[in-house]
Amino acid sequence: MKNYEITYIIAPNLDDAAKTALVDRFDKILTDNGAEIVDSKDWSKRRLAYEIGGFNDGIYHIVNVKASDDEALNEFDRLSKIADGILRHMIVVR
């Protein structure tokens, strides 16, 4: 199994319940497709280097994952590109 780190930026206009629902949804996408979540936590709200989608701030969330194949990561990548609450994401092999 490989270790991956997924960092994504959540839109700051979401309330706490919507943000929690978004994080839970994407954690479930990973686990439903065979990945094991080691850690999933908010990093902090930070000022962005440039405006993304009309926002100057974003809430960074980091997920550490173990996966044996790319199925879970590909599904996460596909769905995060079309999700309204996620401004950007990045998947890195650790």
C-alpha atoms as a PDB file:
ATOM      1  CA  MET A   1       0.000   0.000   0.000  1.00  0.00           C
ATOM      2  CA  LYS A   2       1.195   3.493  -0.829  1.00  0.00           C
ATOM      3  CA  ASN A   3       0.806   6.530   1.387  1.00  0.00           C
ATOM      4  CA  TYR A   4      -0.829   9.615  -0.103  1.00  0.00           C
ATOM      5  CA  GLU A   5      -1.477  13.105   1.167  1.00  0.00           C
ATOM      6  CA  ILE A   6      -4.497  14.960  -0.185  1.00  0.00           C
ATOM      7  CA  THR A   7      -4.757  18.685   0.435  1.00  0.00           C
ATOM      8  CA  TYR A   8      -7.836  20.564  -0.616  1.00  0.00           C
ATOM      9  CA  ILE A   9      -9.092  24.108  -0.149  1.00  0.00           C
ATOM     10  CA  ILE A  10     -12.693  24.524   0.982  1.00  0.00           C
ATOM     11  CA  ALA A  11     -14.662  27.666   0.125  1.00  0.00           C
ATOM     12  CA  PRO A  12     -14.812  29.973   3.178  1.00  0.00           C
ATOM     13  CA  ASN A  13     -18.484  30.850   2.669  1.00  0.00           C
ATOM     14  CA  LEU A  14     -19.660  27.400   3.836  1.00  0.00           C
ATOM     15  CA  ASP A  15     -21.065  27.215   7.366  1.00  0.00           C
ATOM     16  CA  ASP A  16     -19.710  24.635   9.819  1.00  0.00           C
ATOM     17  CA  ALA A  17     -22.441  22.049   9.111  1.00  0.00           C
ATOM     18  CA  ALA A  18     -21.939  22.264   5.336  1.00  0.00           C
ATOM     19  CA  LYS A  19     -18.150  22.077   5.691  1.00  0.00           C
ATOM     20  CA  THR A  20     -18.417  19.018   7.952  1.00  0.00           C
ATOM     21  CA  ALA A  21     -20.820  17.360   5.495  1.00  0.00           C
ATOM     22  CA  LEU A  22     -18.412  18.063   2.611  1.00  0.00           C
ATOM     23  CA  VAL A  23     -15.425  16.597   4.482  1.00  0.00           C
ATOM     24  CA  ASP A  24     -17.434  13.531   5.535  1.00  0.00           C
ATOM     25  CA  ARG A  25     -18.647  13.027   1.959  1.00  0.00           C
ATOM     26  CA  PHE A  26     -15.134  13.068   0.517  1.00  0.00           C
ATOM     27  CA  ASP A  27     -13.733  10.885   3.306  1.00  0.00           C
ATOM     28  CA  LYS A  28     -16.505   8.380   2.519  1.00  0.00           C
ATOM     29  CA  ILE A  29     -15.638   8.485  -1.203  1.00  0.00           C
ATOM     30  CA  LEU A  30     -12.102   7.411  -0.323  1.00  0.00           C
ATOM     31  CA  THR A  31     -13.124   4.606   2.049  1.00  0.00           C
ATOM     32  CA  ASP A  32     -15.885   3.312  -0.255  1.00  0.00           C
ATOM     33  CA  ASN A  33     -13.301   2.872  -3.020  1.00  0.00           C
ATOM     34  CA  GLY A  34     -10.818   0.872  -0.956  1.00  0.00           C
ATOM     35  CA  ALA A  35      -8.584   3.481   0.673  1.00  0.00           C
ATOM     36  CA  GLU A  36      -7.791   3.629   4.381  1.00  0.00           C
ATOM     37  CA  ILE A  37      -7.866   7.086   5.986  1.00  0.00           C
ATOM     38  CA  VAL A  38      -5.016   7.533   8.446  1.00  0.00           C
ATOM     39  CA  ASP A  39      -5.782  11.151   9.353  1.00  0.00           C
ATOM     40  CA  SER A  40      -8.289  13.791   8.208  1.00  0.00           C
ATOM     41  CA  LYS A  41      -8.040  17.255   9.730  1.00  0.00           C
ATOM     42  CA  ASP A  42      -8.455  20.959   9.089  1.00  0.00           C
ATOM     43  CA  TRP A  43      -5.224  22.826   8.778  1.00  0.00           C
ATOM     44  CA  SER A  44      -6.379  26.428   8.981  1.00  0.00           C
ATOM     45  CA  LYS A  45      -8.111  29.253   7.171  1.00  0.00           C
ATOM     46  CA  ARG A  46      -5.518  31.098   5.119  1.00  0.00           C
ATOM     47  CA  ARG A  47      -5.259  33.937   2.682  1.00  0.00           C
ATOM     48  CA  LEU A  48      -4.772  32.644  -0.861  1.00  0.00           C
ATOM     49  CA  ALA A  49      -1.890  33.821  -3.030  1.00  0.00           C
ATOM     50  CA  TYR A  50      -4.380  34.694  -5.757  1.00  0.00           C
ATOM     51  CA  GLU A  51      -8.144  34.838  -6.072  1.00  0.00           C
ATOM     52  CA  ILE A  52      -9.851  31.498  -6.787  1.00  0.00           C
ATOM     53  CA  GLY A  53     -13.500  31.510  -7.766  1.00  0.00           C
ATOM     54  CA  GLY A  54     -14.002  34.977  -6.303  1.00  0.00           C
ATOM     55  CA  PHE A  55     -12.489  34.045  -2.916  1.00  0.00           C
ATOM     56  CA  ASN A  56      -9.349  35.488  -1.346  1.00  0.00           C
ATOM     57  CA  ASP A  57      -9.403  33.081   1.642  1.00  0.00           C
ATOM     58  CA  GLY A  58      -9.793  29.326   1.919  1.00  0.00           C
ATOM     59  CA  ILE A  59      -9.969  26.593   4.542  1.00  0.00           C
ATOM     60  CA  TYR A  60      -7.201  24.040   4.026  1.00  0.00           C
ATOM     61  CA  HIS A  61      -8.012  20.408   4.817  1.00  0.00           C
ATOM     62  CA  ILE A  62      -5.423  17.602   4.811  1.00  0.00           C
ATOM     63  CA  VAL A  63      -6.140  13.873   4.486  1.00  0.00           C
ATOM     64  CA  ASN A  64      -3.469  11.167   4.845  1.00  0.00           C
ATOM     65  CA  VAL A  65      -4.512   7.991   3.035  1.00  0.00           C
ATOM     66  CA  LYS A  66      -3.198   4.471   2.401  1.00  0.00           C
ATOM     67  CA  ALA A  67      -4.322   2.887  -0.861  1.00  0.00           C
ATOM     68  CA  SER A  68      -3.279  -0.182  -2.814  1.00  0.00           C
ATOM     69  CA  ASP A  69      -4.501   1.104  -6.175  1.00  0.00           C
ATOM     70  CA  ASP A  70      -5.518   4.410  -7.754  1.00  0.00           C
ATOM     71  CA  GLU A  71      -9.271   3.776  -7.840  1.00  0.00           C
ATOM     72  CA  ALA A  72     -10.103   5.789  -4.695  1.00  0.00           C
ATOM     73  CA  LEU A  73      -7.779   8.634  -5.668  1.00  0.00           C
ATOM     74  CA  ASN A  74      -9.140   8.828  -9.201  1.00  0.00           C
ATOM     75  CA  GLU A  75     -12.708   8.994  -7.895  1.00  0.00           C
ATOM     76  CA  PHE A  76     -11.741  11.671  -5.357  1.00  0.00           C
ATOM     77  CA  ASP A  77     -10.007  13.636  -8.112  1.00  0.00           C
ATOM     78  CA  ARG A  78     -12.978  13.375 -10.460  1.00  0.00           C
ATOM     79  CA  LEU A  79     -15.581  14.425  -7.910  1.00  0.00           C
ATOM     80  CA  SER A  80     -13.532  17.197  -6.310  1.00  0.00           C
ATOM     81  CA  LYS A  81     -13.181  18.899  -9.706  1.00  0.00           C
ATOM     82  CA  ILE A  82     -16.962  19.321  -9.939  1.00  0.00           C
ATOM     83  CA  ALA A  83     -17.775  19.942  -6.247  1.00  0.00           C
ATOM     84  CA  ASP A  84     -18.946  23.471  -5.479  1.00  0.00           C
ATOM     85  CA  GLY A  85     -17.314  23.639  -2.042  1.00  0.00           C
ATOM     86  CA  ILE A  86     -13.782  22.651  -3.117  1.00  0.00           C
ATOM     87  CA  LEU A  87     -11.741  25.400  -4.753  1.00  0.00           C
ATOM     88  CA  ARG A  88      -8.532  23.402  -5.426  1.00  0.00           C
ATOM     89  CA  HIS A  89      -7.036  20.040  -4.507  1.00  0.00           C
ATOM     90  CA  MET A  90      -3.705  18.279  -4.735  1.00  0.00           C
ATOM     91  CA  ILE A  91      -2.805  14.588  -4.318  1.00  0.00           C
ATOM     92  CA  VAL A  92       0.813  13.739  -3.463  1.00  0.00           C
ATOM     93  CA  VAL A  93       2.520  10.364  -2.968  1.00  0.00           C
ATOM     94  CA  ARG A  94       4.426  10.347   0.337  1.00  0.00           C
END
